[in-house]
């Protein structure tokens, strides 16, 4: 997640029937809302801002659903500093204007296909919706008997918000044809989905404390992951080890873990991780990549797991517990650790040197790489030229690591080329974060516009064509 994506603990409701909100970043579309909710956030140094297109970094601002602010920028090197402002969206049932209609996507494979073994190619049973044979990633290797999916290149998206959007009646349309969002993305070359997971988002102070369901908990992750795996796509599980957003400026432990010692937290991390991955495996939704922590540049599970200077011991203990749990369920699952300094080779090397010296063994370094968006919202991690410089330096210094851009939005071709151009296929791919949304204070470049309502998402043809071309150029289509 981007730095500073915060969950508000205080709501100020402002009813405004029939309000029109201009959405400049979504092709001049207008959002008609029956209820706008402005939040006074509990996050420090937070700018509230209005989210356009339904929600920034959490849930969409559905009619009857509140819109709240909080996000990003990242802490200073080893400082754990407070992040800057931004916006986080978070819906709850309002007193009026709740969206009518049945949930949007069913998760069925619109091409008629069913997946083969876990991580294998999807069988289409006929022509795919795009006119070609449906495939999940071209000449992907299976990764071994476990069926862990390892495509030649990852074109991924983080669509965690789907379960919330569908609760409010969301629909997804591609050239006039309704589809589930995962099938729509697959039809245009995407082959992997990332899903964020919180420990107990319904807890007091948690992400979903005021929502009608405990969105982003393990149960919702399992539901969406089963849909993803059933059509032959890969699945990255992103574990935050918190009840709400984590980032370089916010790594609050789950409420039930508050005040625990390092030894107790180590046990909780191990038990929670093993249970989560085991439940997913039992549901035929085994993750292909597991991310231990989210934007953990300054550590996780503060204050116990904070990293600063040369102090990485506690963080390493917690990371090893999570990694050990995943390996025990399936040693073929790839382990990803995630920071947000792709514009700083110096900070990235400081962090890698710290965790590696402490004996943390993992497969992939993920970075958040947010560039300035087309609507003018400033990026957090510089320019593609800086990303390329950083990743090339890291690839040289750490020859055993692979790399992923775990979050990006704008500069879509440049982000993917940055990964694809790393030597020896060590750039595994990318994940476009929250591709349905445009925000006033977060640098997103959406792949969808809307048609008449905030939750009627319509794929933008030229941007989908861009991903089709990338899939072809990278040999996965």
Protein backbone atom coordinates (compact mmCIF):
# COMPACT_ATOMS: atom_id res chain seq x y z
CA UNK A 1 0.00 0.00 0.00
CA UNK A 2 1.03 3.52 -0.45
CA UNK A 3 2.34 5.33 2.57
CA UNK A 4 -0.22 6.93 4.82
CA UNK A 5 -3.38 5.08 3.70
CA UNK A 6 -5.25 5.59 6.91
CA UNK A 7 -8.54 4.46 8.42
CA UNK A 8 -10.53 7.27 9.98
CA UNK A 9 -11.78 6.82 13.49
CA UNK A 10 -14.10 9.82 13.49
CA UNK A 11 -16.84 10.38 10.92
CA UNK A 12 -18.60 13.62 10.11
CA UNK A 13 -21.64 12.90 7.95
CA UNK A 14 -22.76 15.56 5.52
CA UNK A 15 -25.91 14.64 3.63
CA UNK A 16 -26.08 16.20 0.19
CA UNK A 17 -28.71 14.67 -2.03
CA UNK A 18 -28.13 14.85 -5.76
CA UNK A 19 -24.58 16.16 -5.51
CA UNK A 20 -22.55 16.11 -8.74
CA UNK A 21 -18.84 15.50 -8.30
CA UNK A 22 -16.55 16.15 -11.25
CA UNK A 23 -14.01 13.43 -11.91
CA UNK A 24 -11.31 14.98 -14.10
CA UNK A 25 -9.05 11.90 -14.14
CA UNK A 26 -11.75 9.58 -15.42
CA UNK A 27 -12.33 11.08 -18.85
CA UNK A 28 -14.48 13.92 -17.59
CA UNK A 29 -17.08 11.57 -16.12
CA UNK A 30 -19.47 12.79 -13.45
CA UNK A 31 -20.30 11.02 -10.23
CA UNK A 32 -23.87 11.37 -8.95
CA UNK A 33 -23.97 10.70 -5.24
CA UNK A 34 -26.91 10.53 -2.89
CA UNK A 35 -24.72 10.92 0.14
CA UNK A 36 -21.23 12.29 0.61
CA UNK A 37 -19.43 11.65 3.84
CA UNK A 38 -16.47 13.73 4.80
CA UNK A 39 -14.17 12.22 7.38
CA UNK A 40 -12.04 13.78 10.04
CA UNK A 41 -9.14 11.37 10.09
CA UNK A 42 -7.19 10.03 12.99
CA UNK A 43 -4.01 9.93 10.92
CA UNK A 44 -1.29 12.41 11.71
CA UNK A 45 -0.26 14.89 9.03
CA UNK A 46 -3.18 13.75 6.88
CA UNK A 47 -4.79 15.86 4.20
CA UNK A 48 -8.42 14.91 3.73
CA UNK A 49 -9.04 15.59 0.05
CA UNK A 50 -11.91 14.25 -2.07
CA UNK A 51 -11.65 10.89 -3.73
CA UNK A 52 -12.91 10.68 -7.27
CA UNK A 53 -14.21 7.62 -8.96
CA UNK A 54 -15.49 6.07 -5.81
CA UNK A 55 -12.65 5.64 -3.39
CA UNK A 56 -8.99 5.87 -2.77
CA UNK A 57 -7.32 2.90 -1.36
CA UNK A 58 -10.03 1.20 0.40
CA UNK A 59 -13.60 1.16 -0.65
CA UNK A 60 -15.53 3.15 -3.08
CA UNK A 61 -17.66 6.06 -2.01
CA UNK A 62 -20.93 4.42 -2.87
CA UNK A 63 -24.17 6.30 -2.38
CA UNK A 64 -24.80 5.83 1.30
CA UNK A 65 -21.11 5.07 1.80
CA UNK A 66 -18.66 7.46 3.46
CA UNK A 67 -15.56 8.85 1.82
CA UNK A 68 -12.62 9.39 4.11
CA UNK A 69 -9.08 10.56 3.69
CA UNK A 70 -5.52 9.39 4.41
CA UNK A 71 -2.31 8.44 2.41
CA UNK A 72 1.10 8.53 1.39
CA UNK A 73 4.68 9.39 0.91
CA UNK A 74 6.72 7.04 3.03
CA UNK A 75 8.91 7.49 6.06
CA UNK A 76 12.48 8.66 6.03
CA UNK A 77 15.28 6.14 5.98
CA UNK A 78 14.99 4.11 9.14
CA UNK A 79 12.87 6.80 10.72
CA UNK A 80 9.45 5.28 10.64
CA UNK A 81 8.35 8.83 10.02
CA UNK A 82 4.78 9.92 9.61
CA UNK A 83 3.59 9.77 6.05
CA UNK A 84 2.10 12.63 4.15
CA UNK A 85 -1.49 13.21 3.16
CA UNK A 86 -3.78 11.52 0.73
CA UNK A 87 -7.09 9.75 0.61
CA UNK A 88 -8.47 6.43 1.66
CA UNK A 89 -11.99 5.35 0.82
CA UNK A 90 -14.12 3.43 3.12
CA UNK A 91 -17.81 2.56 2.66
CA UNK A 92 -20.46 1.95 5.25
CA UNK A 93 -24.15 1.64 5.02
CA UNK A 94 -25.62 5.12 5.00
CA UNK A 95 -29.07 6.17 6.11
CA UNK A 96 -30.10 6.82 2.54
CA UNK A 97 -29.07 6.22 -1.03
CA UNK A 98 -27.73 2.67 -0.72
CA UNK A 99 -27.09 1.28 -4.19
CA UNK A 100 -29.76 -1.06 -5.38
CA UNK A 101 -29.18 -4.15 -7.44
CA UNK A 102 -27.55 -7.50 -7.13
CA UNK A 103 -23.80 -7.93 -6.61
CA UNK A 104 -21.84 -7.32 -9.79
CA UNK A 105 -19.45 -9.99 -10.91
CA UNK A 106 -20.16 -13.63 -10.35
CA UNK A 107 -16.60 -14.73 -10.91
CA UNK A 108 -17.59 -17.13 -13.66
CA UNK A 109 -15.21 -17.56 -16.55
CA UNK A 110 -16.92 -15.75 -19.40
CA UNK A 111 -14.88 -17.68 -21.92
CA UNK A 112 -16.41 -20.89 -20.69
CA UNK A 113 -13.11 -22.15 -19.35
CA UNK A 114 -12.26 -23.96 -16.19
CA UNK A 115 -8.82 -24.08 -14.77
CA UNK A 116 -6.68 -27.15 -14.86
CA UNK A 117 -4.49 -28.04 -11.91
CA UNK A 118 -3.61 -25.23 -9.61
CA UNK A 119 -1.40 -22.82 -11.46
CA UNK A 120 -1.93 -24.53 -14.77
CA UNK A 121 -3.34 -23.08 -17.96
CA UNK A 122 -7.07 -22.49 -18.16
CA UNK A 123 -9.00 -24.64 -20.58
CA UNK A 124 -11.36 -22.47 -22.55
CA UNK A 125 -13.88 -24.91 -23.93
CA UNK A 126 -14.01 -22.68 -26.98
CA UNK A 127 -12.95 -19.28 -28.21
CA UNK A 128 -11.97 -16.75 -25.57
CA UNK A 129 -13.85 -13.48 -25.24
CA UNK A 130 -11.00 -11.63 -26.90
CA UNK A 131 -11.15 -13.79 -29.99
CA UNK A 132 -8.06 -15.84 -29.23
CA UNK A 133 -7.39 -18.94 -27.22
CA UNK A 134 -7.54 -18.23 -23.52
CA UNK A 135 -4.28 -18.72 -21.70
CA UNK A 136 -3.01 -17.72 -18.31
CA UNK A 137 0.48 -16.69 -19.14
CA UNK A 138 1.79 -18.22 -22.30
CA UNK A 139 4.66 -20.58 -21.78
CA UNK A 140 4.55 -20.46 -18.01
CA UNK A 141 6.29 -23.11 -16.00
CA UNK A 142 4.17 -24.80 -13.39
CA UNK A 143 6.80 -24.47 -10.68
CA UNK A 144 6.73 -28.15 -9.75
CA UNK A 145 4.34 -30.72 -8.34
CA UNK A 146 2.68 -28.17 -6.04
CA UNK A 147 1.26 -26.36 -9.05
CA UNK A 148 2.62 -22.94 -8.04
CA UNK A 149 2.16 -20.69 -11.06
CA UNK A 150 5.27 -19.02 -12.48
CA UNK A 151 4.53 -17.28 -15.77
CA UNK A 152 7.26 -15.98 -18.03
CA UNK A 153 6.22 -12.47 -16.96
CA UNK A 154 3.61 -11.17 -14.52
CA UNK A 155 1.06 -8.63 -15.70
CA UNK A 156 -0.78 -8.24 -12.43
CA UNK A 157 -3.40 -6.07 -10.76
CA UNK A 158 -4.48 -5.48 -7.17
CA UNK A 159 -8.28 -5.72 -7.18
CA UNK A 160 -8.86 -6.28 -3.45
CA UNK A 161 -11.58 -3.62 -3.50
CA UNK A 162 -13.74 -5.86 -5.70
CA UNK A 163 -15.55 -7.58 -2.84
CA UNK A 164 -16.58 -4.24 -1.36
CA UNK A 165 -17.59 -2.76 -4.69
CA UNK A 166 -19.73 -5.78 -5.51
CA UNK A 167 -21.46 -5.46 -2.16
CA UNK A 168 -22.60 -2.03 -3.34
CA UNK A 169 -23.77 -3.39 -6.70
CA UNK A 170 -20.72 -2.83 -8.91
CA UNK A 171 -20.63 -4.04 -12.50
CA UNK A 172 -17.79 -4.27 -15.04
CA UNK A 173 -18.27 -3.87 -18.79
CA UNK A 174 -15.87 -4.57 -21.65
CA UNK A 175 -16.96 -3.31 -25.09
CA UNK A 176 -20.57 -3.59 -23.97
CA UNK A 177 -20.20 -7.07 -22.53
CA UNK A 178 -20.62 -7.57 -18.76
CA UNK A 179 -17.85 -9.62 -17.16
CA UNK A 180 -16.31 -10.29 -13.80
CA UNK A 181 -13.38 -7.96 -13.29
CA UNK A 182 -10.87 -10.80 -13.11
CA UNK A 183 -12.09 -12.27 -16.40
CA UNK A 184 -12.08 -8.85 -18.03
CA UNK A 185 -8.48 -8.24 -17.04
CA UNK A 186 -7.45 -11.72 -18.12
CA UNK A 187 -9.04 -11.19 -21.51
CA UNK A 188 -6.68 -8.23 -22.03
CA UNK A 189 -3.44 -9.94 -21.02
CA UNK A 190 -3.36 -9.81 -17.22
CA UNK A 191 -2.36 -13.11 -15.63
CA UNK A 192 -1.97 -12.42 -11.89
CA UNK A 193 -4.04 -10.85 -9.09
CA UNK A 194 -2.86 -9.41 -5.78
CA UNK A 195 -5.18 -9.41 -2.75
CA UNK A 196 -4.56 -7.47 0.48
CA UNK A 197 -5.54 -9.17 3.74
CA UNK A 198 -5.99 -7.68 7.22
CA UNK A 199 -6.08 -9.68 10.45
CA UNK A 200 -9.39 -8.43 11.89
CA UNK A 201 -10.62 -5.41 9.94
CA UNK A 202 -13.89 -5.45 11.88
CA UNK A 203 -12.11 -4.74 15.17
CA UNK A 204 -12.35 -1.33 16.83
CA UNK A 205 -10.12 0.97 14.80
CA UNK A 206 -9.93 -1.55 11.99
CA UNK A 207 -10.47 -0.91 8.31
CA UNK A 208 -14.03 -2.28 8.29
CA UNK A 209 -15.09 -1.36 11.82
CA UNK A 210 -18.00 0.73 10.51
CA UNK A 211 -18.77 -1.33 7.41
CA UNK A 212 -21.57 -3.85 6.86
CA UNK A 213 -19.05 -6.67 6.46
CA UNK A 214 -15.49 -7.32 7.60
CA UNK A 215 -14.07 -6.54 4.18
CA UNK A 216 -10.44 -7.48 3.50
CA UNK A 217 -10.42 -10.25 6.08
CA UNK A 218 -9.29 -13.78 5.27
CA UNK A 219 -12.81 -14.98 4.45
CA UNK A 220 -13.22 -12.32 1.75
CA UNK A 221 -9.73 -13.05 0.45
CA UNK A 222 -10.59 -16.75 0.09
CA UNK A 223 -13.77 -15.93 -1.84
CA UNK A 224 -12.00 -13.69 -4.33
CA UNK A 225 -8.90 -15.90 -4.57
CA UNK A 226 -11.04 -18.91 -5.52
CA UNK A 227 -12.49 -16.91 -8.40
CA UNK A 228 -9.03 -15.86 -9.53
CA UNK A 229 -7.58 -19.36 -9.39
CA UNK A 230 -10.63 -20.93 -11.04
CA UNK A 231 -9.86 -19.10 -14.30
CA UNK A 232 -6.16 -19.99 -14.24
CA UNK A 233 -4.70 -16.72 -12.99
CA UNK A 234 -1.89 -16.42 -10.48
CA UNK A 235 -2.54 -15.16 -6.95
CA UNK A 236 -0.33 -13.00 -4.72
CA UNK A 237 -1.41 -12.90 -1.07
CA UNK A 238 -0.45 -9.61 0.62
CA UNK A 239 -0.46 -10.01 4.43
CA UNK A 240 -0.45 -6.69 6.31
CA UNK A 241 -0.29 -8.09 9.88
CA UNK A 242 -2.63 -5.33 10.99
CA UNK A 243 -6.35 -4.59 11.15
CA UNK A 244 -6.04 -1.76 8.62
CA UNK A 245 -3.60 -0.22 6.14
CA UNK A 246 0.13 -0.49 6.76
CA UNK A 247 2.87 1.57 5.13
CA UNK A 248 6.21 3.15 6.05
CA UNK A 249 4.46 5.55 8.42
CA UNK A 250 1.92 3.17 9.97
CA UNK A 251 2.56 -0.37 11.19
CA UNK A 252 0.09 -0.72 14.04
CA UNK A 253 -0.32 -4.30 15.32
CA UNK A 254 -3.75 -5.92 15.24
CA UNK A 255 -5.82 -4.94 18.28
CA UNK A 256 -5.65 -8.50 19.60
CA UNK A 257 -1.84 -8.44 19.41
CA UNK A 258 -1.29 -5.10 21.12
CA UNK A 259 1.34 -4.99 23.84
CA UNK A 260 2.78 -8.43 23.10
CA UNK A 261 6.46 -9.26 23.50
CA UNK A 262 8.71 -10.17 20.59
CA UNK A 263 8.40 -13.88 21.40
CA UNK A 264 4.61 -13.66 21.55
CA UNK A 265 4.44 -11.70 18.30
CA UNK A 266 6.71 -14.23 16.62
CA UNK A 267 4.24 -16.96 17.59
CA UNK A 268 1.25 -14.92 16.40
CA UNK A 269 2.87 -14.19 13.04
CA UNK A 270 3.71 -17.85 12.52
CA UNK A 271 0.29 -19.16 13.59
CA UNK A 272 -1.70 -16.56 11.64
CA UNK A 273 0.36 -17.00 8.49
CA UNK A 274 0.23 -20.78 8.53
CA UNK A 275 -3.51 -20.78 9.18
CA UNK A 276 -4.19 -18.28 6.37
CA UNK A 277 -2.15 -20.13 3.75
CA UNK A 278 -3.49 -23.51 4.90
CA UNK A 279 -7.09 -22.31 4.60
CA UNK A 280 -6.42 -20.97 1.13
CA UNK A 281 -4.81 -24.25 0.10
CA UNK A 282 -7.80 -26.23 1.43
CA UNK A 283 -10.11 -23.97 -0.60
CA UNK A 284 -8.17 -24.69 -3.85
CA UNK A 285 -6.84 -21.13 -3.77
CA UNK A 286 -3.19 -21.71 -2.92
CA UNK A 287 -1.25 -18.46 -3.27
CA UNK A 288 1.61 -18.54 -5.76
CA UNK A 289 3.42 -15.66 -4.02
CA UNK A 290 3.03 -14.61 -0.39
CA UNK A 291 4.00 -11.10 0.66
CA UNK A 292 5.11 -10.90 4.30
CA UNK A 293 4.21 -7.37 5.40
CA UNK A 294 3.35 -4.29 3.38
CA UNK A 295 5.78 -1.43 2.69
CA UNK A 296 7.94 -2.48 5.61
CA UNK A 297 10.83 -0.10 4.94
CA UNK A 298 10.72 0.95 8.60
CA UNK A 299 9.70 -2.43 9.95
CA UNK A 300 6.37 -3.96 10.98
CA UNK A 301 4.30 -4.54 14.13
CA UNK A 302 5.62 -1.42 15.84
CA UNK A 303 7.24 -0.71 18.15
CA UNK A 304 8.61 -4.18 18.63
CA UNK A 305 9.36 -4.81 14.97
CA UNK A 306 10.58 -1.34 14.00
CA UNK A 307 13.73 -1.18 11.85
CA UNK A 308 16.13 1.74 12.07
CA UNK A 309 19.84 2.31 11.62
CA UNK A 310 21.45 -1.11 12.02
CA UNK A 311 18.64 -2.51 14.16
CA UNK A 312 16.99 -5.24 12.12
CA UNK A 313 17.00 -8.09 14.64
CA UNK A 314 13.38 -7.91 15.76
CA UNK A 315 12.07 -7.36 12.25
CA UNK A 316 14.09 -10.33 11.05
CA UNK A 317 12.62 -12.54 13.78
CA UNK A 318 9.08 -11.65 12.69
CA UNK A 319 9.80 -12.06 8.99
CA UNK A 320 11.41 -15.45 9.54
CA UNK A 321 8.32 -16.62 11.45
CA UNK A 322 6.03 -15.71 8.57
CA UNK A 323 8.35 -17.17 5.95
CA UNK A 324 8.74 -20.43 7.89
CA UNK A 325 4.96 -20.79 8.10
CA UNK A 326 4.53 -20.38 4.34
CA UNK A 327 7.33 -22.82 3.54
CA UNK A 328 5.78 -25.46 5.77
CA UNK A 329 2.52 -25.32 3.83
CA UNK A 330 4.23 -25.41 0.43
CA UNK A 331 7.96 -24.74 -0.07
CA UNK A 332 7.37 -23.88 -3.74
CA UNK A 333 5.45 -20.69 -2.88
CA UNK A 334 7.62 -17.67 -3.60
CA UNK A 335 8.22 -15.21 -0.75
CA UNK A 336 8.10 -11.47 -1.43
CA UNK A 337 9.20 -8.66 0.90
CA UNK A 338 7.91 -5.19 0.07
CA UNK A 339 9.35 -1.70 0.51
CA UNK A 340 8.71 1.59 -1.34
CA UNK A 341 12.07 3.08 -2.30
CA UNK A 342 12.41 2.34 -6.00
CA UNK A 343 13.72 5.87 -6.49
CA UNK A 344 16.49 5.36 -3.92
CA UNK A 345 19.19 2.80 -4.46
CA UNK A 346 20.83 3.94 -1.21
CA UNK A 347 17.78 3.31 0.99
CA UNK A 348 16.95 0.07 -0.81
CA UNK A 349 20.46 -1.26 -0.24
CA UNK A 350 20.41 -0.17 3.42
CA UNK A 351 17.23 -2.18 3.92
CA UNK A 352 18.35 -5.24 1.98
CA UNK A 353 21.73 -5.32 3.70
CA UNK A 354 19.95 -5.16 7.06
CA UNK A 355 17.52 -8.04 6.51
CA UNK A 356 19.99 -10.24 4.64
CA UNK A 357 22.67 -9.78 7.31
CA UNK A 358 20.06 -10.85 9.87
CA UNK A 359 19.56 -14.12 8.00
CA UNK A 360 16.19 -13.49 6.32
CA UNK A 361 15.94 -15.75 3.25
CA UNK A 362 13.37 -14.74 0.64
CA UNK A 363 12.88 -14.82 -3.12
CA UNK A 364 11.61 -11.46 -4.35
CA UNK A 365 12.00 -7.80 -3.45
CA UNK A 366 8.86 -5.83 -4.23
CA UNK A 367 8.83 -2.05 -4.54
CA UNK A 368 6.04 0.53 -4.79
CA UNK A 369 6.68 2.82 -7.77
CA UNK A 370 4.12 5.60 -8.04
CA UNK A 371 4.78 8.25 -10.69
CA UNK A 372 2.86 11.49 -11.20
CA UNK A 373 -0.62 10.74 -12.51
CA UNK A 374 -2.21 12.23 -15.64
CA UNK A 375 -4.50 14.36 -13.45
CA UNK A 376 -1.42 16.09 -12.01
CA UNK A 377 -1.30 14.37 -8.61
CA UNK A 378 2.38 14.11 -7.72
CA UNK A 379 3.98 10.71 -7.48
CA UNK A 380 5.74 9.33 -4.43
CA UNK A 381 8.71 7.53 -5.97
CA UNK A 382 10.09 9.75 -8.68
CA UNK A 383 10.36 8.87 -12.35
CA UNK A 384 10.75 5.71 -14.43
CA UNK A 385 14.37 6.68 -15.11
CA UNK A 386 15.03 6.57 -11.36
CA UNK A 387 13.25 3.22 -11.06
CA UNK A 388 15.38 1.76 -13.83
CA UNK A 389 18.57 3.02 -12.22
CA UNK A 390 17.62 1.62 -8.82
CA UNK A 391 16.55 -1.81 -10.05
CA UNK A 392 19.63 -2.21 -12.24
CA UNK A 393 21.90 -1.38 -9.30
CA UNK A 394 20.03 -3.81 -7.04
CA UNK A 395 20.13 -6.56 -9.65
CA UNK A 396 23.88 -6.16 -9.87
CA UNK A 397 24.53 -6.11 -6.13
CA UNK A 398 22.09 -8.89 -5.17
CA UNK A 399 22.41 -11.56 -7.88
CA UNK A 400 20.23 -14.09 -6.03
CA UNK A 401 17.18 -11.84 -5.75
CA UNK A 402 14.31 -11.38 -8.16
CA UNK A 403 12.24 -8.20 -8.38
CA UNK A 404 8.64 -7.09 -8.76
CA UNK A 405 6.96 -3.70 -8.88
CA UNK A 406 4.35 -4.58 -6.28
CA UNK A 407 2.35 -1.36 -6.75
CA UNK A 408 2.19 1.24 -9.51
CA UNK A 409 -0.45 3.05 -11.53
CA UNK A 410 0.77 5.76 -13.90
CA UNK A 411 3.58 5.18 -16.43
CA UNK A 412 2.17 1.76 -17.22
CA UNK A 413 4.43 0.79 -20.12
CA UNK A 414 7.51 2.23 -18.43
CA UNK A 415 6.87 0.30 -15.21
CA UNK A 416 6.54 -2.98 -17.05
CA UNK A 417 9.52 -2.34 -19.32
CA UNK A 418 11.60 -1.57 -16.22
CA UNK A 419 10.95 -5.10 -14.99
CA UNK A 420 11.09 -6.87 -18.33
CA UNK A 421 14.42 -5.29 -19.22
CA UNK A 422 16.26 -6.55 -16.12
CA UNK A 423 18.88 -9.16 -17.03
CA UNK A 424 18.23 -12.91 -16.88
CA UNK A 425 14.46 -12.46 -16.42
CA UNK A 426 14.98 -11.35 -12.85
CA UNK A 427 12.30 -8.70 -13.21
CA UNK A 428 9.28 -10.94 -12.68
CA UNK A 429 6.58 -8.37 -13.41
CA UNK A 430 4.24 -5.77 -11.95
CA UNK A 431 0.93 -5.17 -10.15
CA UNK A 432 -1.28 -2.24 -11.14
CA UNK A 433 -2.84 -1.01 -7.90
CA UNK A 434 -6.62 -0.44 -7.84
CA UNK A 435 -7.11 -0.02 -11.61
CA UNK A 436 -10.78 1.01 -11.39
CA UNK A 437 -10.11 4.25 -9.53
CA UNK A 438 -8.99 7.85 -10.02
CA UNK A 439 -8.32 9.98 -6.96
CA UNK A 440 -7.82 13.67 -6.24
CA UNK A 441 -4.91 13.06 -3.87
CA UNK A 442 -3.41 9.73 -4.89
CA UNK A 443 -1.54 9.32 -8.22
CA UNK A 444 -3.72 6.69 -9.89
CA UNK A 445 -4.19 6.32 -13.64
CA UNK A 446 -7.36 4.19 -13.94
CA UNK A 447 -8.00 1.59 -16.62
CA UNK A 448 -11.75 2.16 -16.28
CA UNK A 449 -14.20 5.00 -16.57
CA UNK A 450 -17.77 4.94 -15.26
CA UNK A 451 -21.14 5.03 -16.98
CA UNK A 452 -23.88 6.88 -15.14
CA UNK A 453 -22.96 5.75 -11.63
CA UNK A 454 -19.80 5.49 -9.57
CA UNK A 455 -19.92 1.67 -9.59
CA UNK A 456 -20.66 1.01 -13.27
CA UNK A 457 -17.08 0.43 -14.38
CA UNK A 458 -16.33 0.46 -18.12
CA UNK A 459 -12.95 -0.67 -19.49
CA UNK A 460 -11.09 2.03 -21.44
CA UNK A 461 -10.32 0.42 -24.82
CA UNK A 462 -6.98 2.09 -25.56
CA UNK A 463 -5.58 1.24 -22.14
CA UNK A 464 -6.73 -2.37 -22.38
CA UNK A 465 -5.10 -2.46 -25.82
CA UNK A 466 -1.87 -1.28 -24.21
CA UNK A 467 -1.88 -4.29 -21.88
CA UNK A 468 -2.69 -6.63 -24.76
CA UNK A 469 0.35 -5.28 -26.61
CA UNK A 470 2.55 -5.66 -23.54
CA UNK A 471 1.37 -9.24 -23.11
CA UNK A 472 2.30 -9.94 -26.72
CA UNK A 473 5.64 -8.11 -26.50
CA UNK A 474 6.58 -9.97 -23.31
CA UNK A 475 5.68 -13.37 -24.76
CA UNK A 476 2.77 -14.23 -22.45
CA UNK A 477 -0.05 -13.96 -24.97
